[in-house]
Amino acid sequence: EKAAQIAKTLKENNINLEIRKIKTGEFKKVFEYAFKNYSSIIAIMATGIVVRGVAPFIKDKTSDPAVVVIDEKGRFVISLLSGHLGGANELTDKIAKIINATPVITTATDINNLPAIDVFAKKHKLILSDKHIFKKLVSSMLKGKKIAVYQEKDENYHFFSKEPFVIFQNLEEFQSVRYPKIYVGVKKLKNNILHLIPKKVVVGLGFHRGLQERELKDFIENIFKRESIWLESISKIATIDKRKDELSFHNLAKMLNAEPLFFSEREILNLSGFQKSKLVLKYHNVGNISETCAYLGSGRGEILLPKVKGGKITLCIAKERFL
């Protein structure tokens, strides 16, 4: 059977597959299971069958798996769903080359030879701030409009060096132009700007024992809102290793989708140039926890916000220089 031969060929060419032949009446159950458990679905059958099969399970382009359809003769490979973020376009091209078929890709930016911002963001682990603003921006690109781009220090992507992008070095000038805008960095500007957010902010925390994760998160959220920094930019939270047994800190890391880091007194004592607190020295052999841990956790990066104290919590925000 031709379909079985296609599947075998793909597997022989390093396409990681779990091959399943679907019996009549099983389509809904199989597609539902595949949607929940796989990042990509390759269906060798008529497109109409696949459309009806996957339709009840489609939720959002940011979470749906890639769906690629191959006709039973292996003449066409069709990127059906999640072409960019799910990787269906890339998978379609790859399969078409393997089986010598015609790739069918219909996403607007691809057929108009425009740069795919969402693919770029996914590749570089940048978070899109707002899918509605993103759609409006893509629509502007399709109409031939220029796109203004501003990149924070340490963000220097060559992706934006071509049309329709216009890179601005001056933030005020960037904000004043009437082009649709992309801001690359951790700072939060106006709501009508598409932000591409790198996860490279490290939060250093000093806190009393027994505090709940909700108290810690509320404090962080308030500071980030005040400083106009995206909460989504947090990659790590760091503290002294004496707090390693505090469940609230581990729960906080999960809530923020961040990596928990712990540093010893010896590692902290090896640093110089940080102001020491007499109060902290009463309980530890070091006089500064939040700033030193943020600094160490960021790979000795840039301090964005020096120590801020609020009740039983101290916080410092640092930014990794390199991912």
C-alpha atoms as a PDB file:
ATOM      1  CA  GLU A   1       0.000   0.000   0.000  1.00  0.00           C
ATOM      2  CA  LYS A   2       1.345   3.402  -1.030  1.00  0.00           C
ATOM      3  CA  ALA A   3       0.450   5.122   2.285  1.00  0.00           C
ATOM      4  CA  ALA A   4       2.345   2.479   4.276  1.00  0.00           C
ATOM      5  CA  GLN A   5       5.347   2.890   1.977  1.00  0.00           C
ATOM      6  CA  ILE A   6       5.315   6.681   2.514  1.00  0.00           C
ATOM      7  CA  ALA A   7       5.242   6.207   6.296  1.00  0.00           C
ATOM      8  CA  LYS A   8       8.113   3.723   6.083  1.00  0.00           C
ATOM      9  CA  THR A   9      10.166   6.119   3.942  1.00  0.00           C
ATOM     10  CA  LEU A  10       9.647   8.971   6.411  1.00  0.00           C
ATOM     11  CA  LYS A  11      10.731   6.790   9.314  1.00  0.00           C
ATOM     12  CA  GLU A  12      13.846   5.698   7.424  1.00  0.00           C
ATOM     13  CA  ASN A  13      14.700   9.372   6.904  1.00  0.00           C
ATOM     14  CA  ASN A  14      14.751  10.314  10.587  1.00  0.00           C
ATOM     15  CA  ILE A  15      11.144  11.498  10.914  1.00  0.00           C
ATOM     16  CA  ASN A  16      10.259  10.217  14.373  1.00  0.00           C
ATOM     17  CA  LEU A  17       6.925   8.483  13.851  1.00  0.00           C
ATOM     18  CA  GLU A  18       4.433   6.310  15.647  1.00  0.00           C
ATOM     19  CA  ILE A  19       2.545   4.733  12.748  1.00  0.00           C
ATOM     20  CA  ARG A  20      -1.116   3.925  13.203  1.00  0.00           C
ATOM     21  CA  LYS A  21      -3.653   2.691  10.662  1.00  0.00           C
ATOM     22  CA  ILE A  22      -7.070   4.137  11.479  1.00  0.00           C
ATOM     23  CA  LYS A  23     -10.105   1.919  11.080  1.00  0.00           C
ATOM     24  CA  THR A  24     -13.518   3.214  10.060  1.00  0.00           C
ATOM     25  CA  GLY A  25     -15.257   4.794  13.044  1.00  0.00           C
ATOM     26  CA  GLU A  26     -11.992   5.461  14.937  1.00  0.00           C
ATOM     27  CA  PHE A  27     -11.126   8.859  13.457  1.00  0.00           C
ATOM     28  CA  LYS A  28     -12.520  11.031  16.261  1.00  0.00           C
ATOM     29  CA  LYS A  29     -10.932   8.964  19.015  1.00  0.00           C
ATOM     30  CA  VAL A  30      -7.523   8.793  17.292  1.00  0.00           C
ATOM     31  CA  PHE A  31      -7.381  12.504  16.451  1.00  0.00           C
ATOM     32  CA  GLU A  32      -8.437  13.444  19.986  1.00  0.00           C
ATOM     33  CA  TYR A  33      -5.658  11.295  21.451  1.00  0.00           C
ATOM     34  CA  ALA A  34      -3.099  12.655  18.965  1.00  0.00           C
ATOM     35  CA  PHE A  35      -4.034  16.279  19.754  1.00  0.00           C
ATOM     36  CA  LYS A  36      -3.464  15.716  23.466  1.00  0.00           C
ATOM     37  CA  ASN A  37      -0.269  13.697  23.233  1.00  0.00           C
ATOM     38  CA  TYR A  38       1.729  14.707  20.158  1.00  0.00           C
ATOM     39  CA  SER A  39       3.294  17.918  18.863  1.00  0.00           C
ATOM     40  CA  SER A  40       2.801  16.929  15.208  1.00  0.00           C
ATOM     41  CA  ILE A  41       0.274  14.846  13.269  1.00  0.00           C
ATOM     42  CA  ILE A  42       0.970  13.515   9.763  1.00  0.00           C
ATOM     43  CA  ALA A  43      -2.161  12.194   8.084  1.00  0.00           C
ATOM     44  CA  ILE A  44      -1.941  10.241   4.831  1.00  0.00           C
ATOM     45  CA  MET A  45      -5.508  10.564   3.607  1.00  0.00           C
ATOM     46  CA  ALA A  46      -7.950  12.995   2.029  1.00  0.00           C
ATOM     47  CA  THR A  47      -7.813  16.542   3.424  1.00  0.00           C
ATOM     48  CA  GLY A  48     -11.568  16.602   4.040  1.00  0.00           C
ATOM     49  CA  ILE A  49     -11.348  13.606   6.380  1.00  0.00           C
ATOM     50  CA  VAL A  50      -8.590  15.316   8.359  1.00  0.00           C
ATOM     51  CA  VAL A  51     -10.475  18.621   8.579  1.00  0.00           C
ATOM     52  CA  ARG A  52     -13.553  16.887   9.984  1.00  0.00           C
ATOM     53  CA  GLY A  53     -11.403  14.774  12.275  1.00  0.00           C
ATOM     54  CA  VAL A  54      -9.421  17.583  13.899  1.00  0.00           C
ATOM     55  CA  ALA A  55     -12.082  20.336  13.899  1.00  0.00           C
ATOM     56  CA  PRO A  56     -13.588  19.527  17.349  1.00  0.00           C
ATOM     57  CA  PHE A  57     -10.169  19.721  19.021  1.00  0.00           C
ATOM     58  CA  ILE A  58      -8.722  22.929  17.559  1.00  0.00           C
ATOM     59  CA  LYS A  59      -8.147  25.510  20.315  1.00  0.00           C
ATOM     60  CA  ASP A  60      -5.421  28.046  19.595  1.00  0.00           C
ATOM     61  CA  LYS A  61      -2.483  28.476  17.218  1.00  0.00           C
ATOM     62  CA  THR A  62      -0.133  28.770  20.192  1.00  0.00           C
ATOM     63  CA  SER A  63      -1.047  25.315  21.544  1.00  0.00           C
ATOM     64  CA  ASP A  64      -2.440  23.222  18.661  1.00  0.00           C
ATOM     65  CA  PRO A  65      -0.112  20.590  17.184  1.00  0.00           C
ATOM     66  CA  ALA A  66       1.185  20.818  13.645  1.00  0.00           C
ATOM     67  CA  VAL A  67      -1.099  18.979  11.222  1.00  0.00           C
ATOM     68  CA  VAL A  68       0.316  17.911   7.859  1.00  0.00           C
ATOM     69  CA  VAL A  69      -1.684  16.029   5.213  1.00  0.00           C
ATOM     70  CA  ILE A  70      -0.228  13.824   2.470  1.00  0.00           C
ATOM     71  CA  ASP A  71      -2.409  12.501  -0.334  1.00  0.00           C
ATOM     72  CA  GLU A  72      -2.404   8.717  -0.752  1.00  0.00           C
ATOM     73  CA  LYS A  73      -0.277   8.862  -3.905  1.00  0.00           C
ATOM     74  CA  GLY A  74       2.348  11.036  -2.212  1.00  0.00           C
ATOM     75  CA  ARG A  75       2.074  13.855  -4.752  1.00  0.00           C
ATOM     76  CA  PHE A  76       1.267  16.724  -2.375  1.00  0.00           C
ATOM     77  CA  VAL A  77       2.209  17.566   1.217  1.00  0.00           C
ATOM     78  CA  ILE A  78      -0.151  20.107   2.777  1.00  0.00           C
ATOM     79  CA  SER A  79       0.519  22.269   5.824  1.00  0.00           C
ATOM     80  CA  LEU A  80      -2.999  22.267   7.295  1.00  0.00           C
ATOM     81  CA  LEU A  81      -2.731  23.606  10.848  1.00  0.00           C
ATOM     82  CA  SER A  82      -0.200  25.482  13.009  1.00  0.00           C
ATOM     83  CA  GLY A  83       2.047  26.294  10.098  1.00  0.00           C
ATOM     84  CA  HIS A  84       4.285  28.702  11.978  1.00  0.00           C
ATOM     85  CA  LEU A  85       4.195  28.195  15.742  1.00  0.00           C
ATOM     86  CA  GLY A  86       3.440  24.490  15.499  1.00  0.00           C
ATOM     87  CA  GLY A  87       6.080  23.960  12.823  1.00  0.00           C
ATOM     88  CA  ALA A  88       3.770  22.465  10.167  1.00  0.00           C
ATOM     89  CA  ASN A  89       5.318  24.556   7.361  1.00  0.00           C
ATOM     90  CA  GLU A  90       8.822  23.418   8.220  1.00  0.00           C
ATOM     91  CA  LEU A  91       7.677  19.800   8.537  1.00  0.00           C
ATOM     92  CA  THR A  92       5.835  20.065   5.207  1.00  0.00           C
ATOM     93  CA  ASP A  93       8.979  21.223   3.411  1.00  0.00           C
ATOM     94  CA  LYS A  94      11.036  18.480   5.030  1.00  0.00           C
ATOM     95  CA  ILE A  95       8.591  15.706   4.096  1.00  0.00           C
ATOM     96  CA  ALA A  96       8.153  17.025   0.532  1.00  0.00           C
ATOM     97  CA  LYS A  97      11.902  16.810  -0.048  1.00  0.00           C
ATOM     98  CA  ILE A  98      12.073  13.257   1.321  1.00  0.00           C
ATOM     99  CA  ILE A  99       9.237  11.844  -0.814  1.00  0.00           C
ATOM    100  CA  ASN A 100       9.801  14.170  -3.793  1.00  0.00           C
ATOM    101  CA  ALA A 101       6.357  15.764  -3.507  1.00  0.00           C
ATOM    102  CA  THR A 102       4.976  19.291  -3.940  1.00  0.00           C
ATOM    103  CA  PRO A 103       4.729  21.257  -0.669  1.00  0.00           C
ATOM    104  CA  VAL A 104       1.499  23.227  -0.242  1.00  0.00           C
ATOM    105  CA  ILE A 105       1.903  26.152   2.164  1.00  0.00           C
ATOM    106  CA  THR A 106      -0.755  28.844   2.304  1.00  0.00           C
ATOM    107  CA  THR A 107       0.184  31.072   5.266  1.00  0.00           C
ATOM    108  CA  ALA A 108      -0.022  34.716   4.175  1.00  0.00           C
ATOM    109  CA  THR A 109       3.515  35.793   5.061  1.00  0.00           C
ATOM    110  CA  ASP A 110       5.023  32.818   3.240  1.00  0.00           C
ATOM    111  CA  ILE A 111       3.145  33.273  -0.029  1.00  0.00           C
ATOM    112  CA  ASN A 112       3.967  37.011   0.051  1.00  0.00           C
ATOM    113  CA  ASN A 113       7.646  36.406   0.865  1.00  0.00           C
ATOM    114  CA  LEU A 114       7.396  38.333   4.128  1.00  0.00           C
ATOM    115  CA  PRO A 115       9.367  37.497   7.287  1.00  0.00           C
ATOM    116  CA  ALA A 116       7.474  35.287   9.752  1.00  0.00           C
ATOM    117  CA  ILE A 117       7.724  37.054  13.109  1.00  0.00           C
ATOM    118  CA  ASP A 118       6.109  34.223  15.059  1.00  0.00           C
ATOM    119  CA  VAL A 119       8.577  31.653  13.673  1.00  0.00           C
ATOM    120  CA  PHE A 120      11.464  33.980  14.514  1.00  0.00           C
ATOM    121  CA  ALA A 121      10.103  34.479  18.051  1.00  0.00           C
ATOM    122  CA  LYS A 122       9.716  30.751  18.606  1.00  0.00           C
ATOM    123  CA  LYS A 123      13.231  30.024  17.337  1.00  0.00           C
ATOM    124  CA  HIS A 124      14.771  32.573  19.713  1.00  0.00           C
ATOM    125  CA  LYS A 125      12.444  31.792  22.643  1.00  0.00           C
ATOM    126  CA  LEU A 126      10.826  35.223  22.604  1.00  0.00           C
ATOM    127  CA  ILE A 127       7.297  35.572  23.956  1.00  0.00           C
ATOM    128  CA  LEU A 128       4.684  37.392  21.850  1.00  0.00           C
ATOM    129  CA  SER A 129       2.960  39.875  24.159  1.00  0.00           C
ATOM    130  CA  ASP A 130      -0.433  39.952  22.462  1.00  0.00           C
ATOM    131  CA  LYS A 131      -1.793  37.781  19.655  1.00  0.00           C
ATOM    132  CA  HIS A 132      -4.359  40.420  18.597  1.00  0.00           C
ATOM    133  CA  ILE A 133      -1.675  43.092  18.179  1.00  0.00           C
ATOM    134  CA  PHE A 134       0.402  40.506  16.337  1.00  0.00           C
ATOM    135  CA  LYS A 135      -2.430  39.840  13.871  1.00  0.00           C
ATOM    136  CA  LYS A 136      -2.885  43.577  13.248  1.00  0.00           C
ATOM    137  CA  LEU A 137       0.850  43.969  12.662  1.00  0.00           C
ATOM    138  CA  VAL A 138       0.925  41.087  10.154  1.00  0.00           C
ATOM    139  CA  SER A 139      -2.069  42.652   8.401  1.00  0.00           C
ATOM    140  CA  SER A 140      -0.113  45.923   8.151  1.00  0.00           C
ATOM    141  CA  MET A 141       2.850  44.063   6.664  1.00  0.00           C
ATOM    142  CA  LEU A 142       0.587  42.478   4.042  1.00  0.00           C
ATOM    143  CA  LYS A 143      -0.630  45.976   3.110  1.00  0.00           C
ATOM    144  CA  GLY A 144       2.954  47.047   2.480  1.00  0.00           C
ATOM    145  CA  LYS A 145       3.439  49.178   5.579  1.00  0.00           C
ATOM    146  CA  LYS A 146       6.812  49.653   7.265  1.00  0.00           C
ATOM    147  CA  ILE A 147       7.322  48.258  10.779  1.00  0.00           C
ATOM    148  CA  ALA A 148       9.302  50.203  13.389  1.00  0.00           C
ATOM    149  CA  VAL A 149      11.622  48.126  15.576  1.00  0.00           C
ATOM    150  CA  TYR A 150      13.475  48.986  18.769  1.00  0.00           C
ATOM    151  CA  GLN A 151      15.789  46.502  20.476  1.00  0.00           C
ATOM    152  CA  GLU A 152      17.065  46.862  24.013  1.00  0.00           C
ATOM    153  CA  LYS A 153      20.757  46.736  24.790  1.00  0.00           C
ATOM    154  CA  ASP A 154      22.076  43.172  24.305  1.00  0.00           C
ATOM    155  CA  GLU A 155      19.225  42.421  21.871  1.00  0.00           C
ATOM    156  CA  ASN A 156      20.588  42.681  18.355  1.00  0.00           C
ATOM    157  CA  TYR A 157      18.785  40.423  15.915  1.00  0.00           C
ATOM    158  CA  HIS A 158      19.748  40.607  12.221  1.00  0.00           C
ATOM    159  CA  PHE A 159      16.257  39.344  11.397  1.00  0.00           C
ATOM    160  CA  PHE A 160      15.094  42.976  11.504  1.00  0.00           C
ATOM    161  CA  SER A 161      17.760  44.285   9.123  1.00  0.00           C
ATOM    162  CA  LYS A 162      15.557  43.708   6.059  1.00  0.00           C
ATOM    163  CA  GLU A 163      12.288  45.162   4.800  1.00  0.00           C
ATOM    164  CA  PRO A 164       9.649  45.906   5.966  1.00  0.00           C
ATOM    165  CA  PHE A 165      11.462  46.612   9.240  1.00  0.00           C
ATOM    166  CA  VAL A 166      13.002  49.968  10.153  1.00  0.00           C
ATOM    167  CA  ILE A 167      15.326  49.808  13.173  1.00  0.00           C
ATOM    168  CA  PHE A 168      15.407  52.787  15.531  1.00  0.00           C
ATOM    169  CA  GLN A 169      18.282  53.470  17.941  1.00  0.00           C
ATOM    170  CA  ASN A 170      16.488  56.264  19.771  1.00  0.00           C
ATOM    171  CA  LEU A 171      13.530  55.208  21.933  1.00  0.00           C
ATOM    172  CA  GLU A 172      11.725  58.562  21.766  1.00  0.00           C
ATOM    173  CA  GLU A 173      11.957  58.603  17.985  1.00  0.00           C
ATOM    174  CA  PHE A 174      10.716  55.009  17.864  1.00  0.00           C
ATOM    175  CA  GLN A 175       7.693  55.888  20.000  1.00  0.00           C
ATOM    176  CA  SER A 176       6.869  58.996  17.987  1.00  0.00           C
ATOM    177  CA  VAL A 177       6.687  57.450  14.499  1.00  0.00           C
ATOM    178  CA  ARG A 178       3.327  56.315  13.191  1.00  0.00           C
ATOM    179  CA  TYR A 179       4.472  52.909  11.946  1.00  0.00           C
ATOM    180  CA  PRO A 180       3.200  49.743  13.621  1.00  0.00           C
ATOM    181  CA  LYS A 181       5.817  48.859  16.235  1.00  0.00           C
ATOM    182  CA  ILE A 182       7.824  45.934  17.609  1.00  0.00           C
ATOM    183  CA  TYR A 183       9.762  46.322  20.858  1.00  0.00           C
ATOM    184  CA  VAL A 184      12.291  43.609  21.702  1.00  0.00           C
ATOM    185  CA  GLY A 185      13.149  43.509  25.393  1.00  0.00           C
ATOM    186  CA  VAL A 186      11.905  43.101  28.942  1.00  0.00           C
ATOM    187  CA  LYS A 187      10.495  46.611  29.460  1.00  0.00           C
ATOM    188  CA  LYS A 188       6.775  47.162  28.984  1.00  0.00           C
ATOM    189  CA  LEU A 189       5.707  50.132  26.853  1.00  0.00           C
ATOM    190  CA  LYS A 190       2.309  51.083  25.425  1.00  0.00           C
ATOM    191  CA  ASN A 191      -0.453  48.541  24.852  1.00  0.00           C
ATOM    192  CA  ASN A 192      -0.545  49.041  21.072  1.00  0.00           C
ATOM    193  CA  ILE A 193       3.063  47.872  20.622  1.00  0.00           C
ATOM    194  CA  LEU A 194       3.926  44.234  19.922  1.00  0.00           C
ATOM    195  CA  HIS A 195       6.533  43.190  22.489  1.00  0.00           C
ATOM    196  CA  LEU A 196       8.879  40.284  21.883  1.00  0.00           C
ATOM    197  CA  ILE A 197       9.908  39.327  25.395  1.00  0.00           C
ATOM    198  CA  PRO A 198      13.147  37.426  26.123  1.00  0.00           C
ATOM    199  CA  LYS A 199      13.117  35.270  29.247  1.00  0.00           C
ATOM    200  CA  LYS A 200      16.346  36.565  30.767  1.00  0.00           C
ATOM    201  CA  VAL A 201      15.362  38.389  33.952  1.00  0.00           C
ATOM    202  CA  VAL A 202      16.563  37.010  37.283  1.00  0.00           C
ATOM    203  CA  VAL A 203      14.857  37.951  40.539  1.00  0.00           C
ATOM    204  CA  GLY A 204      16.982  37.794  43.685  1.00  0.00           C
ATOM    205  CA  LEU A 205      14.927  37.356  46.868  1.00  0.00           C
ATOM    206  CA  GLY A 206      15.614  37.618  50.558  1.00  0.00           C
ATOM    207  CA  PHE A 207      12.653  36.675  52.735  1.00  0.00           C
ATOM    208  CA  HIS A 208      11.638  35.499  56.195  1.00  0.00           C
ATOM    209  CA  ARG A 209      10.795  31.870  56.777  1.00  0.00           C
ATOM    210  CA  GLY A 210       7.141  30.906  56.641  1.00  0.00           C
ATOM    211  CA  LEU A 211       6.014  33.362  53.982  1.00  0.00           C
ATOM    212  CA  GLN A 212       3.513  31.957  51.497  1.00  0.00           C
ATOM    213  CA  GLU A 213       4.160  31.913  47.750  1.00  0.00           C
ATOM    214  CA  ARG A 214       1.186  34.215  47.190  1.00  0.00           C
ATOM    215  CA  GLU A 215       2.810  36.898  49.382  1.00  0.00           C
ATOM    216  CA  LEU A 216       6.075  36.583  47.477  1.00  0.00           C
ATOM    217  CA  LYS A 217       4.359  36.662  44.081  1.00  0.00           C
ATOM    218  CA  ASP A 218       2.204  39.678  44.995  1.00  0.00           C
ATOM    219  CA  PHE A 219       5.310  41.614  46.016  1.00  0.00           C
ATOM    220  CA  ILE A 220       7.117  40.698  42.781  1.00  0.00           C
ATOM    221  CA  GLU A 221       4.083  41.594  40.649  1.00  0.00           C
ATOM    222  CA  ASN A 222       3.757  45.013  42.290  1.00  0.00           C
ATOM    223  CA  ILE A 223       7.425  45.847  41.733  1.00  0.00           C
ATOM    224  CA  PHE A 224       7.389  44.646  38.133  1.00  0.00           C
ATOM    225  CA  LYS A 225       4.256  46.690  37.429  1.00  0.00           C
ATOM    226  CA  ARG A 226       5.849  49.763  38.980  1.00  0.00           C
ATOM    227  CA  GLU A 227       9.045  49.299  36.968  1.00  0.00           C
ATOM    228  CA  SER A 228       7.180  48.448  33.728  1.00  0.00           C
ATOM    229  CA  ILE A 229       8.918  45.074  33.328  1.00  0.00           C
ATOM    230  CA  TRP A 230       7.144  42.048  31.903  1.00  0.00           C
ATOM    231  CA  LEU A 231       6.544  39.339  34.500  1.00  0.00           C
ATOM    232  CA  GLU A 232       6.858  36.843  31.641  1.00  0.00           C
ATOM    233  CA  SER A 233      10.521  37.846  31.254  1.00  0.00           C
ATOM    234  CA  ILE A 234      11.496  36.092  34.499  1.00  0.00           C
ATOM    235  CA  SER A 235      13.689  33.071  33.784  1.00  0.00           C
ATOM    236  CA  LYS A 236      15.087  32.404  37.265  1.00  0.00           C
ATOM    237  CA  ILE A 237      14.475  33.273  40.900  1.00  0.00           C
ATOM    238  CA  ALA A 238      17.433  33.094  43.266  1.00  0.00           C
ATOM    239  CA  THR A 239      18.030  33.103  47.003  1.00  0.00           C
ATOM    240  CA  ILE A 240      20.407  31.808  49.675  1.00  0.00           C
ATOM    241  CA  ASP A 241      20.668  28.034  50.035  1.00  0.00           C
ATOM    242  CA  LYS A 242      19.418  28.256  53.639  1.00  0.00           C
ATOM    243  CA  ARG A 243      15.973  28.743  52.102  1.00  0.00           C
ATOM    244  CA  LYS A 244      16.193  25.621  49.954  1.00  0.00           C
ATOM    245  CA  ASP A 245      13.720  23.837  52.208  1.00  0.00           C
ATOM    246  CA  GLU A 246      11.066  26.556  51.861  1.00  0.00           C
ATOM    247  CA  LEU A 247       8.264  24.986  49.832  1.00  0.00           C
ATOM    248  CA  SER A 248       6.820  28.429  49.052  1.00  0.00           C
ATOM    249  CA  PHE A 249       9.939  29.346  47.050  1.00  0.00           C
ATOM    250  CA  HIS A 250       9.650  26.214  44.911  1.00  0.00           C
ATOM    251  CA  ASN A 251       5.923  26.832  44.408  1.00  0.00           C
ATOM    252  CA  LEU A 252       6.709  30.432  43.435  1.00  0.00           C
ATOM    253  CA  ALA A 253       9.130  29.187  40.764  1.00  0.00           C
ATOM    254  CA  LYS A 254       6.378  27.005  39.285  1.00  0.00           C
ATOM    255  CA  MET A 255       3.903  29.901  39.338  1.00  0.00           C
ATOM    256  CA  LEU A 256       6.366  32.113  37.469  1.00  0.00           C
ATOM    257  CA  ASN A 257       7.558  29.349  35.126  1.00  0.00           C
ATOM    258  CA  ALA A 258      11.067  30.074  36.417  1.00  0.00           C
ATOM    259  CA  GLU A 259      14.073  28.044  37.504  1.00  0.00           C
ATOM    260  CA  PRO A 260      14.796  28.165  41.275  1.00  0.00           C
ATOM    261  CA  LEU A 261      18.455  28.883  42.131  1.00  0.00           C
ATOM    262  CA  PHE A 262      20.253  28.720  45.473  1.00  0.00           C
ATOM    263  CA  PHE A 263      23.631  30.158  46.403  1.00  0.00           C
ATOM    264  CA  SER A 264      25.819  29.379  49.396  1.00  0.00           C
ATOM    265  CA  GLU A 265      27.261  31.905  51.842  1.00  0.00           C
ATOM    266  CA  ARG A 266      30.694  31.107  50.443  1.00  0.00           C
ATOM    267  CA  GLU A 267      29.630  32.033  46.904  1.00  0.00           C
ATOM    268  CA  ILE A 268      28.081  35.256  48.167  1.00  0.00           C
ATOM    269  CA  LEU A 269      31.110  36.161  50.308  1.00  0.00           C
ATOM    270  CA  ASN A 270      33.321  35.916  47.216  1.00  0.00           C
ATOM    271  CA  LEU A 271      31.555  38.988  45.809  1.00  0.00           C
ATOM    272  CA  SER A 272      32.493  42.561  46.606  1.00  0.00           C
ATOM    273  CA  GLY A 273      30.871  45.938  46.034  1.00  0.00           C
ATOM    274  CA  PHE A 274      27.476  45.146  47.522  1.00  0.00           C
ATOM    275  CA  GLN A 275      26.135  47.121  50.474  1.00  0.00           C
ATOM    276  CA  LYS A 276      25.655  45.014  53.606  1.00  0.00           C
ATOM    277  CA  SER A 277      22.686  45.132  55.942  1.00  0.00           C
ATOM    278  CA  LYS A 278      23.215  44.839  59.688  1.00  0.00           C
ATOM    279  CA  LEU A 279      19.825  43.169  60.006  1.00  0.00           C
ATOM    280  CA  VAL A 280      20.731  40.458  57.489  1.00  0.00           C
ATOM    281  CA  LEU A 281      24.074  39.924  59.254  1.00  0.00           C
ATOM    282  CA  LYS A 282      22.163  39.078  62.426  1.00  0.00           C
ATOM    283  CA  TYR A 283      20.787  35.924  60.827  1.00  0.00           C
ATOM    284  CA  HIS A 284      23.390  35.060  58.193  1.00  0.00           C
ATOM    285  CA  ASN A 285      27.123  35.307  57.655  1.00  0.00           C
ATOM    286  CA  VAL A 286      26.452  37.563  54.675  1.00  0.00           C
ATOM    287  CA  GLY A 287      24.986  41.057  54.650  1.00  0.00           C
ATOM    288  CA  ASN A 288      23.248  41.022  51.287  1.00  0.00           C
ATOM    289  CA  ILE A 289      21.086  38.283  49.745  1.00  0.00           C
ATOM    290  CA  SER A 290      18.738  39.687  47.110  1.00  0.00           C
ATOM    291  CA  GLU A 291      21.305  41.670  45.108  1.00  0.00           C
ATOM    292  CA  THR A 292      24.089  39.108  45.325  1.00  0.00           C
ATOM    293  CA  CYS A 293      21.809  36.216  44.367  1.00  0.00           C
ATOM    294  CA  ALA A 294      20.311  38.161  41.451  1.00  0.00           C
ATOM    295  CA  TYR A 295      23.818  39.031  40.273  1.00  0.00           C
ATOM    296  CA  LEU A 296      25.080  35.455  40.542  1.00  0.00           C
ATOM    297  CA  GLY A 297      21.899  34.012  39.030  1.00  0.00           C
ATOM    298  CA  SER A 298      22.197  36.279  35.992  1.00  0.00           C
ATOM    299  CA  GLY A 299      25.752  35.144  35.333  1.00  0.00           C
ATOM    300  CA  ARG A 300      27.086  38.444  36.729  1.00  0.00           C
ATOM    301  CA  GLY A 301      24.774  40.354  34.425  1.00  0.00           C
ATOM    302  CA  GLU A 302      23.234  43.800  34.620  1.00  0.00           C
ATOM    303  CA  ILE A 303      21.376  45.003  37.725  1.00  0.00           C
ATOM    304  CA  LEU A 304      18.125  46.529  36.466  1.00  0.00           C
ATOM    305  CA  LEU A 305      16.755  47.382  39.911  1.00  0.00           C
ATOM    306  CA  PRO A 306      18.879  47.485  43.090  1.00  0.00           C
ATOM    307  CA  LYS A 307      17.527  46.091  46.341  1.00  0.00           C
ATOM    308  CA  VAL A 308      13.955  47.017  47.219  1.00  0.00           C
ATOM    309  CA  LYS A 309      12.596  46.234  50.679  1.00  0.00           C
ATOM    310  CA  GLY A 310       8.971  45.610  51.562  1.00  0.00           C
ATOM    311  CA  GLY A 311       8.134  44.203  54.975  1.00  0.00           C
ATOM    312  CA  LYS A 312       9.671  40.740  55.252  1.00  0.00           C
ATOM    313  CA  ILE A 313      10.882  40.609  51.648  1.00  0.00           C
ATOM    314  CA  THR A 314      13.794  42.162  49.754  1.00  0.00           C
ATOM    315  CA  LEU A 315      14.029  41.979  45.975  1.00  0.00           C
ATOM    316  CA  CYS A 316      16.554  42.768  43.271  1.00  0.00           C
ATOM    317  CA  ILE A 317      16.114  42.467  39.503  1.00  0.00           C
ATOM    318  CA  ALA A 318      18.991  41.560  37.190  1.00  0.00           C
ATOM    319  CA  LYS A 319      19.206  40.727  33.498  1.00  0.00           C
ATOM    320  CA  GLU A 320      21.308  38.048  31.899  1.00  0.00           C
ATOM    321  CA  ARG A 321      23.674  39.458  29.312  1.00  0.00           C
ATOM    322  CA  PHE A 322      23.538  36.323  27.215  1.00  0.00           C
ATOM    323  CA  LEU A 323      21.048  33.482  27.065  1.00  0.00           C
END
